[in-house]
Amino acid sequence: MNKNYNKNQEEVNSDICKSFRFMWDNFPHPVLLVQKNRTIIDANQSARHLGVPSGVKCRDISPYPDKCRKDCLADKALATGNPQRLINKAKDKLLATYWVPLHSVENGLYLHFVIDVPLQ
């Protein structure tokens, strides 16, 4: 029975990844599909182009792992079911970081991305 469960779970994950890529591959910023435990399930074309792998923790590939631990709003997004956003100002741009829980699944998946907006 466990073997069937694993097969069914793999099929569900495959369907979710196909849908994720269909919706997000043309988005101009990197987008990650992440599990509650911070494991990256998939990445859109922009993130894959940057070399973002699946199967690793998002914090393990971040250039700012301490900032990730301190500022991460994934747990709040998943607990409330509401998207969370954090805006920071960098030198010449605003960085809007998002955590968007997926309501259509019950296994704690969420989208994670950062949009940078140049200041003019």
N, C-alpha and C. Protein backbone atom coordinates (compact mmCIF):
# COMPACT_ATOMS: atom_id res chain seq x y z
N MET A 1 0.82 -1.19 0.00
CA MET A 1 0.00 0.00 0.00
C MET A 1 0.87 1.26 0.00
N ASN A 2 1.95 1.25 0.72
CA ASN A 2 2.86 2.39 0.74
C ASN A 2 3.43 2.65 -0.65
N LYS A 3 3.69 1.58 -1.40
CA LYS A 3 4.20 1.74 -2.77
C LYS A 3 3.19 2.49 -3.63
N ASN A 4 1.91 2.14 -3.52
CA ASN A 4 0.87 2.84 -4.27
C ASN A 4 0.77 4.30 -3.85
N TYR A 5 0.88 4.54 -2.55
CA TYR A 5 0.83 5.92 -2.07
C TYR A 5 1.97 6.73 -2.67
N ASN A 6 3.18 6.17 -2.66
CA ASN A 6 4.32 6.89 -3.24
C ASN A 6 4.10 7.15 -4.72
N LYS A 7 3.57 6.16 -5.44
CA LYS A 7 3.31 6.34 -6.86
C LYS A 7 2.27 7.44 -7.05
N ASN A 8 1.19 7.39 -6.29
CA ASN A 8 0.16 8.41 -6.41
C ASN A 8 0.70 9.79 -6.05
N GLN A 9 1.52 9.88 -5.03
CA GLN A 9 2.12 11.15 -4.64
C GLN A 9 3.03 11.68 -5.75
N GLU A 10 3.79 10.80 -6.39
CA GLU A 10 4.65 11.21 -7.50
C GLU A 10 3.81 11.74 -8.66
N GLU A 11 2.68 11.09 -8.93
CA GLU A 11 1.80 11.56 -10.00
C GLU A 11 1.23 12.93 -9.67
N VAL A 12 0.82 13.13 -8.42
CA VAL A 12 0.31 14.42 -7.99
C VAL A 12 1.39 15.48 -8.13
N ASN A 13 2.60 15.18 -7.66
CA ASN A 13 3.70 16.14 -7.78
C ASN A 13 4.00 16.45 -9.24
N SER A 14 3.95 15.44 -10.11
CA SER A 14 4.20 15.66 -11.53
C SER A 14 3.14 16.59 -12.12
N ASP A 15 1.90 16.37 -11.77
CA ASP A 15 0.82 17.23 -12.26
C ASP A 15 0.98 18.65 -11.74
N ILE A 16 1.36 18.80 -10.48
CA ILE A 16 1.56 20.12 -9.90
C ILE A 16 2.71 20.83 -10.61
N CYS A 17 3.79 20.13 -10.86
CA CYS A 17 4.94 20.74 -11.53
C CYS A 17 4.60 21.15 -12.96
N LYS A 18 3.83 20.33 -13.66
CA LYS A 18 3.41 20.68 -15.01
C LYS A 18 2.56 21.95 -14.98
N SER A 19 1.64 22.01 -14.05
CA SER A 19 0.79 23.20 -13.93
C SER A 19 1.61 24.42 -13.52
N PHE A 20 2.54 24.23 -12.60
CA PHE A 20 3.40 25.32 -12.17
C PHE A 20 4.17 25.90 -13.36
N ARG A 21 4.79 25.04 -14.14
CA ARG A 21 5.58 25.53 -15.29
C ARG A 21 4.68 26.19 -16.33
N PHE A 22 3.50 25.63 -16.55
CA PHE A 22 2.57 26.23 -17.50
C PHE A 22 2.24 27.66 -17.09
N MET A 23 2.03 27.88 -15.81
CA MET A 23 1.63 29.20 -15.32
C MET A 23 2.80 30.17 -15.14
N TRP A 24 3.98 29.68 -14.78
CA TRP A 24 5.05 30.56 -14.33
C TRP A 24 6.30 30.59 -15.20
N ASP A 25 6.43 29.72 -16.18
CA ASP A 25 7.68 29.69 -16.95
C ASP A 25 7.97 30.98 -17.71
N ASN A 26 6.98 31.73 -18.09
CA ASN A 26 7.22 32.97 -18.81
C ASN A 26 7.26 34.20 -17.90
N PHE A 27 7.12 34.02 -16.61
CA PHE A 27 7.21 35.14 -15.67
C PHE A 27 8.65 35.66 -15.68
N PRO A 28 8.85 36.97 -15.74
CA PRO A 28 10.20 37.51 -15.94
C PRO A 28 11.12 37.45 -14.73
N HIS A 29 10.63 37.00 -13.59
CA HIS A 29 11.46 36.88 -12.39
C HIS A 29 11.50 35.42 -11.95
N PRO A 30 12.56 35.00 -11.26
CA PRO A 30 12.62 33.63 -10.74
C PRO A 30 11.48 33.35 -9.76
N VAL A 31 10.84 32.21 -9.91
CA VAL A 31 9.77 31.77 -9.02
C VAL A 31 10.06 30.34 -8.61
N LEU A 32 9.91 30.07 -7.32
CA LEU A 32 10.14 28.72 -6.79
C LEU A 32 8.84 28.13 -6.28
N LEU A 33 8.67 26.83 -6.49
CA LEU A 33 7.60 26.05 -5.89
C LEU A 33 8.25 25.30 -4.74
N VAL A 34 7.80 25.58 -3.51
CA VAL A 34 8.52 25.12 -2.33
C VAL A 34 7.58 24.39 -1.38
N GLN A 35 8.11 23.35 -0.72
CA GLN A 35 7.37 22.64 0.32
C GLN A 35 7.52 23.37 1.65
N LYS A 36 6.63 23.07 2.57
CA LYS A 36 6.64 23.69 3.89
C LYS A 36 8.01 23.54 4.58
N ASN A 37 8.70 22.44 4.33
CA ASN A 37 10.01 22.22 4.96
C ASN A 37 11.14 22.94 4.24
N ARG A 38 10.78 23.81 3.28
CA ARG A 38 11.71 24.68 2.53
C ARG A 38 12.44 23.96 1.39
N THR A 39 12.01 22.75 1.04
CA THR A 39 12.61 22.04 -0.09
C THR A 39 12.01 22.56 -1.39
N ILE A 40 12.85 22.91 -2.33
CA ILE A 40 12.40 23.39 -3.63
C ILE A 40 11.92 22.19 -4.44
N ILE A 41 10.67 22.25 -4.88
CA ILE A 41 10.08 21.20 -5.69
C ILE A 41 10.35 21.45 -7.17
N ASP A 42 10.23 22.72 -7.57
CA ASP A 42 10.45 23.08 -8.97
C ASP A 42 10.77 24.56 -9.04
N ALA A 43 11.24 24.99 -10.19
CA ALA A 43 11.57 26.39 -10.42
C ALA A 43 11.13 26.77 -11.82
N ASN A 44 10.74 28.02 -12.01
CA ASN A 44 10.35 28.44 -13.34
C ASN A 44 11.57 28.61 -14.24
N GLN A 45 11.33 28.91 -15.50
CA GLN A 45 12.41 28.98 -16.47
C GLN A 45 13.48 30.00 -16.07
N SER A 46 13.06 31.14 -15.57
CA SER A 46 14.02 32.16 -15.16
C SER A 46 14.93 31.66 -14.04
N ALA A 47 14.36 30.97 -13.06
CA ALA A 47 15.17 30.43 -11.95
C ALA A 47 16.05 29.28 -12.43
N ARG A 48 15.52 28.43 -13.30
CA ARG A 48 16.33 27.32 -13.83
C ARG A 48 17.51 27.87 -14.63
N HIS A 49 17.27 28.95 -15.36
CA HIS A 49 18.34 29.59 -16.13
C HIS A 49 19.47 30.08 -15.20
N LEU A 50 19.12 30.46 -13.99
CA LEU A 50 20.12 30.89 -13.00
C LEU A 50 20.78 29.71 -12.30
N GLY A 51 20.32 28.50 -12.58
CA GLY A 51 20.92 27.31 -11.99
C GLY A 51 20.26 26.84 -10.71
N VAL A 52 19.06 27.31 -10.41
CA VAL A 52 18.37 26.89 -9.19
C VAL A 52 17.97 25.42 -9.33
N PRO A 53 18.45 24.57 -8.43
CA PRO A 53 18.12 23.13 -8.51
C PRO A 53 16.86 22.81 -7.69
N SER A 54 16.23 21.71 -7.99
CA SER A 54 15.15 21.21 -7.14
C SER A 54 15.74 20.20 -6.16
N GLY A 55 15.01 19.95 -5.09
CA GLY A 55 15.44 18.96 -4.11
C GLY A 55 16.37 19.50 -3.03
N VAL A 56 16.64 20.79 -3.03
CA VAL A 56 17.48 21.39 -1.99
C VAL A 56 16.65 22.41 -1.22
N LYS A 57 17.10 22.76 -0.05
CA LYS A 57 16.43 23.78 0.75
C LYS A 57 16.72 25.16 0.15
N CYS A 58 15.70 25.99 0.09
CA CYS A 58 15.89 27.31 -0.51
C CYS A 58 16.96 28.11 0.22
N ARG A 59 17.04 27.96 1.52
CA ARG A 59 18.06 28.70 2.30
C ARG A 59 19.48 28.27 1.95
N ASP A 60 19.62 27.02 1.49
CA ASP A 60 20.95 26.51 1.17
C ASP A 60 21.53 27.13 -0.11
N ILE A 61 20.68 27.71 -0.95
CA ILE A 61 21.18 28.32 -2.17
C ILE A 61 21.11 29.84 -2.14
N SER A 62 20.56 30.38 -1.07
CA SER A 62 20.43 31.83 -0.96
C SER A 62 21.78 32.48 -0.69
N PRO A 63 22.04 33.63 -1.33
CA PRO A 63 23.26 34.37 -1.00
C PRO A 63 23.16 35.05 0.37
N TYR A 64 21.96 35.04 0.96
CA TYR A 64 21.72 35.69 2.26
C TYR A 64 21.00 34.73 3.21
N PRO A 65 21.62 33.60 3.59
CA PRO A 65 20.92 32.61 4.42
C PRO A 65 20.47 33.15 5.78
N ASP A 66 21.24 34.03 6.39
CA ASP A 66 20.82 34.58 7.69
C ASP A 66 19.59 35.46 7.54
N LYS A 67 19.56 36.25 6.49
CA LYS A 67 18.40 37.09 6.21
C LYS A 67 17.17 36.22 5.94
N CYS A 68 17.37 35.11 5.25
CA CYS A 68 16.27 34.18 4.99
C CYS A 68 15.68 33.65 6.29
N ARG A 69 16.52 33.24 7.20
CA ARG A 69 16.04 32.72 8.49
C ARG A 69 15.28 33.79 9.26
N LYS A 70 15.80 35.00 9.24
CA LYS A 70 15.22 36.10 10.02
C LYS A 70 13.91 36.62 9.42
N ASP A 71 13.87 36.75 8.10
CA ASP A 71 12.75 37.44 7.45
C ASP A 71 11.73 36.53 6.78
N CYS A 72 11.95 35.23 6.78
CA CYS A 72 11.06 34.32 6.06
C CYS A 72 9.62 34.39 6.61
N LEU A 73 8.66 34.56 5.71
CA LEU A 73 7.25 34.62 6.09
C LEU A 73 6.47 33.41 5.57
N ALA A 74 7.18 32.36 5.18
CA ALA A 74 6.50 31.16 4.66
C ALA A 74 5.57 30.54 5.69
N ASP A 75 6.03 30.39 6.93
CA ASP A 75 5.18 29.77 7.95
C ASP A 75 3.91 30.58 8.19
N LYS A 76 4.04 31.90 8.20
CA LYS A 76 2.87 32.76 8.39
C LYS A 76 1.91 32.62 7.21
N ALA A 77 2.44 32.58 6.00
CA ALA A 77 1.60 32.42 4.81
C ALA A 77 0.84 31.10 4.86
N LEU A 78 1.54 30.03 5.22
CA LEU A 78 0.90 28.71 5.27
C LEU A 78 -0.10 28.61 6.41
N ALA A 79 0.21 29.22 7.56
CA ALA A 79 -0.68 29.15 8.71
C ALA A 79 -1.97 29.95 8.48
N THR A 80 -1.84 31.10 7.84
CA THR A 80 -3.01 31.95 7.63
C THR A 80 -3.73 31.66 6.32
N GLY A 81 -3.01 31.02 5.37
CA GLY A 81 -3.57 30.79 4.06
C GLY A 81 -3.58 32.04 3.18
N ASN A 82 -2.90 33.08 3.66
CA ASN A 82 -2.86 34.34 2.93
C ASN A 82 -1.45 34.64 2.44
N PRO A 83 -1.33 35.20 1.25
CA PRO A 83 -0.01 35.59 0.76
C PRO A 83 0.64 36.60 1.71
N GLN A 84 1.94 36.53 1.77
CA GLN A 84 2.70 37.47 2.59
C GLN A 84 3.70 38.19 1.69
N ARG A 85 3.98 39.45 2.03
CA ARG A 85 4.91 40.24 1.23
C ARG A 85 5.80 41.04 2.16
N LEU A 86 7.06 41.14 1.77
CA LEU A 86 8.05 41.94 2.49
C LEU A 86 8.73 42.84 1.47
N ILE A 87 8.76 44.14 1.73
CA ILE A 87 9.39 45.07 0.81
C ILE A 87 10.63 45.68 1.46
N ASN A 88 11.73 45.61 0.74
CA ASN A 88 13.00 46.19 1.18
C ASN A 88 13.51 47.13 0.11
N LYS A 89 14.24 48.13 0.54
CA LYS A 89 14.86 49.04 -0.42
C LYS A 89 16.33 48.69 -0.53
N ALA A 90 16.76 48.45 -1.75
CA ALA A 90 18.18 48.25 -2.04
C ALA A 90 18.68 49.54 -2.68
N LYS A 91 19.91 49.57 -3.06
CA LYS A 91 20.52 50.79 -3.59
C LYS A 91 19.63 51.56 -4.56
N ASP A 92 19.32 50.97 -5.68
CA ASP A 92 18.57 51.68 -6.71
C ASP A 92 17.28 50.96 -7.10
N LYS A 93 16.75 50.13 -6.18
CA LYS A 93 15.52 49.39 -6.49
C LYS A 93 14.79 48.98 -5.22
N LEU A 94 13.54 48.65 -5.39
CA LEU A 94 12.74 48.06 -4.34
C LEU A 94 12.68 46.56 -4.59
N LEU A 95 12.77 45.78 -3.53
CA LEU A 95 12.66 44.33 -3.62
C LEU A 95 11.40 43.90 -2.90
N ALA A 96 10.47 43.33 -3.64
CA ALA A 96 9.23 42.81 -3.05
C ALA A 96 9.33 41.30 -3.03
N THR A 97 9.37 40.73 -1.84
CA THR A 97 9.49 39.28 -1.66
C THR A 97 8.12 38.73 -1.29
N TYR A 98 7.70 37.66 -1.97
CA TYR A 98 6.38 37.08 -1.77
C TYR A 98 6.46 35.62 -1.36
N TRP A 99 5.52 35.22 -0.52
CA TRP A 99 5.25 33.83 -0.16
C TRP A 99 3.75 33.64 -0.39
N VAL A 100 3.38 32.79 -1.33
CA VAL A 100 1.98 32.62 -1.71
C VAL A 100 1.58 31.16 -1.51
N PRO A 101 0.77 30.87 -0.49
CA PRO A 101 0.35 29.48 -0.27
C PRO A 101 -0.59 29.03 -1.38
N LEU A 102 -0.49 27.75 -1.74
CA LEU A 102 -1.37 27.18 -2.76
C LEU A 102 -2.54 26.51 -2.07
N HIS A 103 -3.72 27.03 -2.28
CA HIS A 103 -4.92 26.52 -1.61
C HIS A 103 -5.44 25.22 -2.21
N SER A 104 -5.01 24.91 -3.42
CA SER A 104 -5.55 23.74 -4.10
C SER A 104 -4.91 22.43 -3.64
N VAL A 105 -3.88 22.53 -2.83
CA VAL A 105 -3.22 21.32 -2.33
C VAL A 105 -3.13 21.41 -0.82
N GLU A 106 -3.02 20.26 -0.18
CA GLU A 106 -2.99 20.24 1.28
C GLU A 106 -1.64 19.85 1.84
N ASN A 107 -0.62 19.85 1.00
CA ASN A 107 0.68 19.38 1.49
C ASN A 107 1.67 20.52 1.73
N GLY A 108 1.18 21.72 2.01
CA GLY A 108 2.06 22.81 2.41
C GLY A 108 2.93 23.37 1.31
N LEU A 109 2.43 23.43 0.09
CA LEU A 109 3.21 24.02 -1.00
C LEU A 109 2.93 25.51 -1.09
N TYR A 110 3.97 26.24 -1.46
CA TYR A 110 3.79 27.67 -1.67
C TYR A 110 4.73 28.14 -2.76
N LEU A 111 4.40 29.30 -3.34
CA LEU A 111 5.26 29.96 -4.30
C LEU A 111 6.12 30.96 -3.56
N HIS A 112 7.36 31.10 -4.00
CA HIS A 112 8.26 32.06 -3.39
C HIS A 112 9.01 32.79 -4.51
N PHE A 113 8.93 34.12 -4.46
CA PHE A 113 9.63 34.90 -5.49
C PHE A 113 9.91 36.30 -5.00
N VAL A 114 10.84 36.94 -5.70
CA VAL A 114 11.22 38.32 -5.43
C VAL A 114 11.09 39.09 -6.74
N ILE A 115 10.45 40.23 -6.66
CA ILE A 115 10.35 41.12 -7.81
C ILE A 115 11.15 42.36 -7.48
N ASP A 116 12.07 42.71 -8.38
CA ASP A 116 12.83 43.93 -8.16
C ASP A 116 12.28 45.03 -9.07
N VAL A 117 12.05 46.18 -8.48
CA VAL A 117 11.48 47.31 -9.20
C VAL A 117 12.51 48.45 -9.16
N PRO A 118 13.04 48.82 -10.32
CA PRO A 118 14.02 49.92 -10.34
C PRO A 118 13.40 51.23 -9.89
N LEU A 119 14.15 51.99 -9.11
CA LEU A 119 13.74 53.33 -8.72
C LEU A 119 14.27 54.30 -9.75
N GLN A 120 13.45 55.17 -10.21
CA GLN A 120 13.89 56.09 -11.26
C GLN A 120 14.02 57.51 -10.77
